[in-house]
Amino acid sequence: MPTPSKKVSKKIQHLFENQKKGVAWLIDPGKLKAEAIPSTFWESLDGLELDFIFIGGSQDEIADFDAFVRFIKEQVSDIPVVLFPGSHQQVSSEADAILFLSLLSGKNPEYLITQQVRAAQSIKKASLEALPTAYILVNDGEICSVHRKSETLPLLNQDVELIVDTALAGKFLGMDFCYLDAGSGASSKVAPQVIQRVSEEIMIPLIVGGGLTNLQKVHESFEGGADLVVIGNQIEKDPSFLTEVLNLKRFLNAGLHVN
């Protein structure tokens, strides 16, 4: 059985160590049909330096999941495709890696460890690079699909120290990455002060997603200390938003000031 490469973890670690910013596009197969995306859109990604494509959704089982992942991979052969699974059934050997998430914020054993146990053999057989990730849901109290699915409540932006301690617990448990997520479609994002405190405390790569519906919110997340931001719903509404975010990333990584 081949040994999984470490190219995705190395790329995220490179962003963190070199204080660079990265962008991931989250595609939900339950919402977006890849075949419906014009070929010109895929072509427009050339030269824009999209760092990752994440694939996953809140549904348990997604029909033709392997075929969906394969199709995306064929369109973006140079961009790592990473699974962002909603359940143990969203594992595919067609991807490069999988976020091996443990939902620390909700303390529901089903998403803290049970789903991970059920997925373990599939991940091994698929030779996927597993990315151990502390997954923490944070917003202003809004209930999104991920909260309904996991039967958990988000931590509140105002409870900064609790969020920091939860992230630290994930680090001390040996997780290599931390993911603060407001939830798909959230109107309130993870607050910049939360991102900053977590970033300062954990000193491991920090991923931030959910509620990033405009450039100002993305910029605030980057400035707070996010190494990688994840954009999903807004791209479905406005595909040009991805280009705007990638241009922002390019400016920041060049050390240019952005108003």
Protein backbone atom coordinates (compact mmCIF):
# COMPACT_ATOMS: atom_id res chain seq x y z
CA MET A 1 0.00 0.00 0.00
CA PRO A 2 1.58 3.34 -1.04
CA THR A 3 2.54 5.81 1.65
CA PRO A 4 0.49 9.03 1.43
CA SER A 5 2.47 12.09 0.40
CA LYS A 6 2.75 15.07 2.71
CA LYS A 7 2.41 17.70 0.01
CA VAL A 8 -0.79 19.29 1.35
CA SER A 9 0.36 19.54 4.96
CA LYS A 10 3.71 20.88 3.77
CA LYS A 11 1.99 23.53 1.67
CA ILE A 12 -0.19 24.70 4.57
CA GLN A 13 2.82 24.66 6.88
CA HIS A 14 4.74 26.72 4.33
CA LEU A 15 2.05 29.41 4.43
CA PHE A 16 2.24 29.49 8.22
CA GLU A 17 6.03 29.53 8.50
CA ASN A 18 6.48 32.20 5.83
CA GLN A 19 3.56 34.37 6.99
CA LYS A 20 1.82 34.04 3.66
CA LYS A 21 -1.92 33.84 3.00
CA GLY A 22 -3.78 31.05 1.25
CA VAL A 23 -7.25 30.52 -0.19
CA ALA A 24 -9.36 27.38 -0.48
CA TRP A 25 -12.55 27.09 -2.51
CA LEU A 26 -15.09 24.85 -0.81
CA ILE A 27 -17.35 22.97 -3.23
CA ASP A 28 -20.43 21.23 -1.83
CA PRO A 29 -21.48 18.39 -4.19
CA GLY A 30 -24.96 18.55 -2.68
CA LYS A 31 -25.39 22.13 -3.91
CA LEU A 32 -23.21 22.53 -6.96
CA LYS A 33 -23.08 20.33 -10.02
CA ALA A 34 -19.53 20.51 -11.31
CA GLU A 35 -20.58 19.80 -14.88
CA ALA A 36 -22.67 22.97 -14.80
CA ILE A 37 -19.60 25.14 -14.26
CA PRO A 38 -18.48 26.62 -17.62
CA SER A 39 -15.09 25.51 -18.89
CA THR A 40 -14.16 29.19 -19.11
CA PHE A 41 -14.41 29.40 -15.32
CA TRP A 42 -11.86 26.63 -14.84
CA GLU A 43 -9.63 28.29 -17.41
CA SER A 44 -9.90 31.60 -15.54
CA LEU A 45 -8.21 30.00 -12.50
CA ASP A 46 -4.94 29.69 -14.41
CA GLY A 47 -2.41 32.08 -12.97
CA LEU A 48 -4.61 33.13 -10.04
CA GLU A 49 -2.84 30.81 -7.57
CA LEU A 50 -5.77 29.15 -5.87
CA ASP A 51 -4.12 27.11 -3.12
CA PHE A 52 -6.65 24.32 -2.52
CA ILE A 53 -10.04 23.02 -3.46
CA PHE A 54 -12.03 21.55 -0.56
CA ILE A 55 -14.86 19.14 -1.35
CA GLY A 56 -17.57 18.11 1.09
CA GLY A 57 -21.02 18.81 2.42
CA SER A 58 -23.44 18.27 5.25
CA GLN A 59 -25.18 15.31 3.60
CA ASP A 60 -24.20 11.84 4.81
CA GLU A 61 -24.02 10.11 1.45
CA ILE A 62 -23.51 11.88 -1.85
CA ALA A 63 -24.30 10.01 -5.05
CA ASP A 64 -21.33 9.46 -7.38
CA PHE A 65 -18.97 11.12 -4.89
CA ASP A 66 -15.88 9.49 -6.44
CA ALA A 67 -16.93 10.67 -9.90
CA PHE A 68 -17.50 14.21 -8.61
CA VAL A 69 -14.06 14.37 -7.00
CA ARG A 70 -12.45 12.87 -10.11
CA PHE A 71 -14.12 15.45 -12.35
CA ILE A 72 -12.89 18.34 -10.21
CA LYS A 73 -9.40 16.87 -10.08
CA GLU A 74 -9.32 16.63 -13.87
CA GLN A 75 -10.19 20.32 -14.20
CA VAL A 76 -7.53 21.53 -11.76
CA SER A 77 -4.70 19.03 -11.98
CA ASP A 78 -2.19 21.42 -10.36
CA ILE A 79 -4.39 22.41 -7.40
CA PRO A 80 -4.52 19.99 -4.44
CA VAL A 81 -8.02 18.61 -3.81
CA VAL A 82 -8.78 18.10 -0.13
CA LEU A 83 -11.84 16.36 1.31
CA PHE A 84 -13.81 18.31 3.93
CA PRO A 85 -16.08 15.43 4.95
CA GLY A 86 -19.53 15.75 6.44
CA SER A 87 -19.47 12.06 7.36
CA HIS A 88 -17.36 8.91 7.09
CA GLN A 89 -19.01 8.21 3.73
CA GLN A 90 -17.29 11.17 2.07
CA VAL A 91 -13.94 9.48 1.51
CA SER A 92 -12.49 9.14 -1.98
CA SER A 93 -9.15 7.91 -3.29
CA GLU A 94 -9.52 10.46 -6.10
CA ALA A 95 -8.55 13.29 -3.71
CA ASP A 96 -5.08 14.25 -2.50
CA ALA A 97 -5.86 14.59 1.19
CA ILE A 98 -8.60 14.69 3.79
CA LEU A 99 -9.18 17.04 6.69
CA PHE A 100 -9.33 14.58 9.58
CA LEU A 101 -11.61 16.75 11.67
CA SER A 102 -12.52 16.34 15.30
CA LEU A 103 -15.37 18.65 16.31
CA LEU A 104 -14.04 19.89 19.65
CA SER A 105 -16.50 22.71 20.19
CA GLY A 106 -19.68 20.63 20.40
CA LYS A 107 -18.47 17.62 22.40
CA ASN A 108 -20.89 15.32 20.57
CA PRO A 109 -19.02 11.97 20.50
CA GLU A 110 -20.43 11.19 17.04
CA TYR A 111 -18.30 13.97 15.51
CA LEU A 112 -15.62 14.04 18.16
CA ILE A 113 -14.42 10.49 17.44
CA THR A 114 -17.13 8.07 16.20
CA GLN A 115 -17.20 9.23 12.57
CA GLN A 116 -13.41 9.26 12.55
CA VAL A 117 -13.25 5.63 13.70
CA ARG A 118 -15.69 4.63 10.97
CA ALA A 119 -13.65 6.45 8.32
CA ALA A 120 -10.20 5.23 9.39
CA GLN A 121 -9.93 2.08 7.27
CA SER A 122 -11.35 3.81 4.19
CA ILE A 123 -8.75 6.57 4.51
CA LYS A 124 -5.98 4.00 4.88
CA LYS A 125 -7.12 2.01 1.84
CA ALA A 126 -7.44 5.19 -0.23
CA SER A 127 -3.86 6.19 0.73
CA LEU A 128 -5.10 9.68 1.53
CA GLU A 129 -2.94 12.19 3.33
CA ALA A 130 -4.79 12.74 6.62
CA LEU A 131 -4.61 16.24 8.11
CA PRO A 132 -5.35 16.08 11.88
CA THR A 133 -7.47 19.16 12.50
CA ALA A 134 -9.14 20.68 15.56
CA TYR A 135 -12.53 21.76 14.20
CA ILE A 136 -14.23 24.52 16.18
CA LEU A 137 -17.58 26.12 15.31
CA VAL A 138 -17.72 29.82 16.20
CA ASN A 139 -20.20 32.59 15.40
CA ASP A 140 -22.66 34.94 17.12
CA GLY A 141 -25.12 32.17 17.97
CA GLU A 142 -26.50 31.49 14.50
CA ILE A 143 -27.57 27.91 13.77
CA CYS A 144 -26.41 26.69 10.35
CA SER A 145 -26.56 23.33 8.61
CA VAL A 146 -23.35 22.11 10.26
CA HIS A 147 -24.82 22.73 13.72
CA ARG A 148 -28.05 20.93 12.86
CA LYS A 149 -26.12 18.07 11.32
CA SER A 150 -23.75 17.68 14.27
CA GLU A 151 -26.45 18.45 16.87
CA THR A 152 -24.12 20.95 18.51
CA LEU A 153 -24.13 24.66 19.26
CA PRO A 154 -21.40 27.07 18.12
CA LEU A 155 -19.12 28.72 20.61
CA LEU A 156 -19.90 32.42 20.80
CA ASN A 157 -17.50 35.05 19.49
CA GLN A 158 -17.76 36.83 22.83
CA ASP A 159 -16.36 33.79 24.69
CA VAL A 160 -12.84 34.39 23.44
CA GLU A 161 -10.98 32.58 26.21
CA LEU A 162 -13.14 29.46 25.88
CA ILE A 163 -12.41 29.36 22.16
CA VAL A 164 -8.69 29.85 22.78
CA ASP A 165 -8.66 27.06 25.39
CA THR A 166 -10.54 24.74 23.03
CA ALA A 167 -8.01 25.41 20.28
CA LEU A 168 -5.12 24.86 22.69
CA ALA A 169 -6.65 21.56 23.77
CA GLY A 170 -6.64 20.48 20.13
CA LYS A 171 -2.97 21.42 19.79
CA PHE A 172 -2.05 19.54 22.97
CA LEU A 173 -3.93 16.50 21.68
CA GLY A 174 -1.49 16.50 18.78
CA MET A 175 -3.56 18.09 16.03
CA ASP A 176 -1.50 19.80 13.35
CA PHE A 177 -4.09 22.36 12.24
CA CYS A 178 -6.96 24.39 13.69
CA TYR A 179 -10.10 25.28 11.73
CA LEU A 180 -12.44 27.99 13.03
CA ASP A 181 -15.72 27.80 11.12
CA ALA A 182 -18.77 30.04 11.40
CA GLY A 183 -20.77 27.56 9.32
CA SER A 184 -21.80 27.44 5.68
CA GLY A 185 -24.09 30.34 4.85
CA ALA A 186 -23.55 32.07 8.21
CA SER A 187 -24.26 35.79 8.34
CA SER A 188 -21.80 36.29 11.21
CA LYS A 189 -18.18 35.32 10.67
CA VAL A 190 -15.53 34.35 13.19
CA ALA A 191 -14.62 37.65 14.87
CA PRO A 192 -11.15 39.10 14.06
CA GLN A 193 -10.28 39.34 17.77
CA VAL A 194 -11.01 35.61 18.13
CA ILE A 195 -8.79 34.79 15.16
CA GLN A 196 -6.01 36.96 16.53
CA ARG A 197 -6.07 35.44 20.03
CA VAL A 198 -6.23 31.87 18.73
CA SER A 199 -3.44 32.55 16.24
CA GLU A 200 -1.20 34.02 18.93
CA GLU A 201 -1.80 31.14 21.33
CA ILE A 202 -1.70 27.96 19.25
CA MET A 203 1.23 28.66 16.91
CA ILE A 204 0.05 26.10 14.36
CA PRO A 205 -1.58 26.81 10.97
CA LEU A 206 -5.01 28.40 11.34
CA ILE A 207 -7.84 27.88 8.84
CA VAL A 208 -10.90 30.18 8.93
CA GLY A 209 -14.19 29.83 7.03
CA GLY A 210 -17.89 30.58 7.10
CA GLY A 211 -19.63 33.92 6.67
CA LEU A 212 -16.91 35.38 4.43
CA THR A 213 -19.29 37.09 2.05
CA ASN A 214 -17.27 40.14 1.04
CA LEU A 215 -13.66 41.27 0.67
CA GLN A 216 -13.68 43.27 3.89
CA LYS A 217 -14.54 40.16 5.92
CA VAL A 218 -11.85 38.16 4.14
CA HIS A 219 -9.32 40.91 4.72
CA GLU A 220 -10.22 41.12 8.43
CA SER A 221 -9.75 37.36 8.76
CA PHE A 222 -6.34 37.50 7.09
CA GLU A 223 -5.30 40.48 9.19
CA GLY A 224 -6.47 38.69 12.33
CA GLY A 225 -4.06 35.87 11.66
CA ALA A 226 -5.75 33.32 9.41
CA ASP A 227 -3.23 31.46 7.29
CA LEU A 228 -5.87 29.96 5.02
CA VAL A 229 -9.41 31.21 4.38
CA VAL A 230 -12.16 29.01 2.98
CA ILE A 231 -14.76 30.50 0.62
CA GLY A 232 -17.84 28.57 -0.46
CA ASN A 233 -21.38 29.91 -0.63
CA GLN A 234 -20.48 33.33 -1.97
CA ILE A 235 -18.70 31.82 -4.98
CA GLU A 236 -21.88 29.88 -5.81
CA LYS A 237 -23.73 33.20 -5.85
CA ASP A 238 -21.02 35.18 -7.61
CA PRO A 239 -18.16 33.23 -9.27
CA SER A 240 -16.19 36.45 -9.76
CA PHE A 241 -15.82 36.71 -5.97
CA LEU A 242 -13.16 33.99 -6.07
CA THR A 243 -11.04 36.12 -8.42
CA GLU A 244 -11.45 39.11 -6.10
CA VAL A 245 -10.32 37.09 -3.08
CA LEU A 246 -7.33 35.66 -4.94
CA ASN A 247 -6.29 39.14 -6.05
CA LEU A 248 -6.53 40.30 -2.43
CA LYS A 249 -4.33 37.39 -1.38
CA ARG A 250 -1.78 38.30 -4.05
CA PHE A 251 -1.63 41.92 -2.83
CA LEU A 252 -1.19 40.88 0.80
CA ASN A 253 1.50 38.34 -0.02
CA ALA A 254 3.35 41.00 -1.98
CA GLY A 255 3.35 43.20 1.13
CA LEU A 256 1.09 45.80 -0.47
CA HIS A 257 -1.28 47.88 1.64
CA VAL A 258 -4.99 47.23 1.08
CA ASN A 259 -7.57 49.80 2.15
